[in-house]
């Protein structure tokens, strides 16, 4: 069983986070995906959920925009590294 790598970047707004994941595919290019989660305290223990209230949707939207911008920038870096022959 392989060990899962941590996200390449995590963006936060309060208890809500957007985790950006990197996957290198067979042709050597990178693909990025994003998961959203919310932390909450219950019975003196921290938990995570992927459900959001009406009030939290705007924070998720803002984090989605920031994640999109981060990934676009990273893809430009990836492309530049390929063109100069540098390893990622």
C-alpha atoms as a PDB file:
ATOM      1  CA  UNK A   1       0.000   0.000   0.000  1.00  0.00           C
ATOM      2  CA  UNK A   2       1.470   3.358  -1.008  1.00  0.00           C
ATOM      3  CA  UNK A   3       1.557   6.303   1.326  1.00  0.00           C
ATOM      4  CA  UNK A   4      -0.449   9.318   0.158  1.00  0.00           C
ATOM      5  CA  UNK A   5       1.563  12.489  -0.224  1.00  0.00           C
ATOM      6  CA  UNK A   6       0.336  15.658   1.480  1.00  0.00           C
ATOM      7  CA  UNK A   7      -1.286  18.411  -0.586  1.00  0.00           C
ATOM      8  CA  UNK A   8       1.153  20.596  -2.511  1.00  0.00           C
ATOM      9  CA  UNK A   9      -0.629  23.711  -1.189  1.00  0.00           C
ATOM     10  CA  UNK A  10      -3.350  24.444   1.360  1.00  0.00           C
ATOM     11  CA  UNK A  11      -5.349  27.649   1.363  1.00  0.00           C
ATOM     12  CA  UNK A  12      -7.437  28.615   4.396  1.00  0.00           C
ATOM     13  CA  UNK A  13     -10.199  30.972   5.410  1.00  0.00           C
ATOM     14  CA  UNK A  14     -11.010  30.373   9.050  1.00  0.00           C
ATOM     15  CA  UNK A  15     -11.998  26.736   9.519  1.00  0.00           C
ATOM     16  CA  UNK A  16     -12.486  26.144   5.798  1.00  0.00           C
ATOM     17  CA  UNK A  17      -9.605  24.939   3.653  1.00  0.00           C
ATOM     18  CA  UNK A  18      -8.843  24.185   0.020  1.00  0.00           C
ATOM     19  CA  UNK A  19      -6.175  21.524  -0.470  1.00  0.00           C
ATOM     20  CA  UNK A  20      -4.427  21.434  -3.831  1.00  0.00           C
ATOM     21  CA  UNK A  21      -3.123  18.057  -4.972  1.00  0.00           C
ATOM     22  CA  UNK A  22      -0.521  17.363  -7.666  1.00  0.00           C
ATOM     23  CA  UNK A  23      -0.479  14.232  -9.808  1.00  0.00           C
ATOM     24  CA  UNK A  24       2.223  13.562 -12.367  1.00  0.00           C
ATOM     25  CA  UNK A  25       0.741  11.590 -15.245  1.00  0.00           C
ATOM     26  CA  UNK A  26       2.420   9.088 -17.585  1.00  0.00           C
ATOM     27  CA  UNK A  27       3.522  11.712 -20.128  1.00  0.00           C
ATOM     28  CA  UNK A  28       5.367  13.609 -17.372  1.00  0.00           C
ATOM     29  CA  UNK A  29       2.925  16.501 -17.157  1.00  0.00           C
ATOM     30  CA  UNK A  30       1.296  17.568 -13.913  1.00  0.00           C
ATOM     31  CA  UNK A  31      -2.406  17.684 -13.147  1.00  0.00           C
ATOM     32  CA  UNK A  32      -3.872  19.491 -10.182  1.00  0.00           C
ATOM     33  CA  UNK A  33      -7.083  18.942  -8.257  1.00  0.00           C
ATOM     34  CA  UNK A  34      -8.685  20.627  -5.259  1.00  0.00           C
ATOM     35  CA  UNK A  35     -10.636  19.352  -2.268  1.00  0.00           C
ATOM     36  CA  UNK A  36     -12.549  21.555   0.149  1.00  0.00           C
ATOM     37  CA  UNK A  37     -13.147  20.798   3.813  1.00  0.00           C
ATOM     38  CA  UNK A  38     -14.330  22.381   7.038  1.00  0.00           C
ATOM     39  CA  UNK A  39     -12.949  21.608  10.485  1.00  0.00           C
ATOM     40  CA  UNK A  40     -15.209  21.601  13.521  1.00  0.00           C
ATOM     41  CA  UNK A  41     -14.898  20.781  17.213  1.00  0.00           C
ATOM     42  CA  UNK A  42     -17.269  18.203  18.698  1.00  0.00           C
ATOM     43  CA  UNK A  43     -16.928  16.403  22.014  1.00  0.00           C
ATOM     44  CA  UNK A  44     -13.501  18.021  22.537  1.00  0.00           C
ATOM     45  CA  UNK A  45     -12.125  16.473  19.327  1.00  0.00           C
ATOM     46  CA  UNK A  46     -11.500  18.005  15.897  1.00  0.00           C
ATOM     47  CA  UNK A  47     -13.339  16.539  12.917  1.00  0.00           C
ATOM     48  CA  UNK A  48     -13.535  17.305   9.210  1.00  0.00           C
ATOM     49  CA  UNK A  49     -16.517  17.515   6.906  1.00  0.00           C
ATOM     50  CA  UNK A  50     -17.089  18.352   3.256  1.00  0.00           C
ATOM     51  CA  UNK A  51     -20.479  19.929   3.897  1.00  0.00           C
ATOM     52  CA  UNK A  52     -20.918  23.703   4.098  1.00  0.00           C
ATOM     53  CA  UNK A  53     -23.615  26.001   5.402  1.00  0.00           C
ATOM     54  CA  UNK A  54     -25.181  28.778   3.371  1.00  0.00           C
ATOM     55  CA  UNK A  55     -22.927  31.300   5.120  1.00  0.00           C
ATOM     56  CA  UNK A  56     -19.787  29.284   4.337  1.00  0.00           C
ATOM     57  CA  UNK A  57     -20.427  28.976   0.593  1.00  0.00           C
ATOM     58  CA  UNK A  58     -18.916  32.414  -0.099  1.00  0.00           C
ATOM     59  CA  UNK A  59     -15.713  31.374   1.692  1.00  0.00           C
ATOM     60  CA  UNK A  60     -15.606  28.195  -0.408  1.00  0.00           C
ATOM     61  CA  UNK A  61     -16.131  30.310  -3.533  1.00  0.00           C
ATOM     62  CA  UNK A  62     -13.304  32.659  -2.551  1.00  0.00           C
ATOM     63  CA  UNK A  63     -10.975  29.728  -1.860  1.00  0.00           C
ATOM     64  CA  UNK A  64     -11.941  28.157  -5.209  1.00  0.00           C
ATOM     65  CA  UNK A  65     -10.938  31.383  -6.963  1.00  0.00           C
ATOM     66  CA  UNK A  66      -7.613  31.506  -5.086  1.00  0.00           C
ATOM     67  CA  UNK A  67      -6.964  27.817  -5.863  1.00  0.00           C
ATOM     68  CA  UNK A  68      -7.709  28.405  -9.552  1.00  0.00           C
ATOM     69  CA  UNK A  69      -5.267  31.330  -9.636  1.00  0.00           C
ATOM     70  CA  UNK A  70      -2.594  29.295  -7.810  1.00  0.00           C
ATOM     71  CA  UNK A  71      -2.970  26.361 -10.219  1.00  0.00           C
ATOM     72  CA  UNK A  72      -2.825  28.621 -13.307  1.00  0.00           C
ATOM     73  CA  UNK A  73       0.420  30.114 -11.984  1.00  0.00           C
ATOM     74  CA  UNK A  74       1.828  26.662 -11.242  1.00  0.00           C
ATOM     75  CA  UNK A  75       0.950  25.437 -14.745  1.00  0.00           C
ATOM     76  CA  UNK A  76       2.893  28.397 -16.200  1.00  0.00           C
ATOM     77  CA  UNK A  77       5.869  27.411 -14.020  1.00  0.00           C
ATOM     78  CA  UNK A  78       5.536  23.783 -15.120  1.00  0.00           C
ATOM     79  CA  UNK A  79       5.499  24.851 -18.779  1.00  0.00           C
ATOM     80  CA  UNK A  80       8.556  27.065 -18.298  1.00  0.00           C
ATOM     81  CA  UNK A  81      10.441  24.196 -16.633  1.00  0.00           C
ATOM     82  CA  UNK A  82       9.609  21.865 -19.523  1.00  0.00           C
ATOM     83  CA  UNK A  83      10.763  24.458 -22.076  1.00  0.00           C
ATOM     84  CA  UNK A  84      14.077  25.016 -20.262  1.00  0.00           C
ATOM     85  CA  UNK A  85      14.551  21.294 -19.638  1.00  0.00           C
ATOM     86  CA  UNK A  86      14.507  21.614 -15.833  1.00  0.00           C
ATOM     87  CA  UNK A  87      13.129  18.792 -13.675  1.00  0.00           C
ATOM     88  CA  UNK A  88      10.046  19.556 -11.598  1.00  0.00           C
END
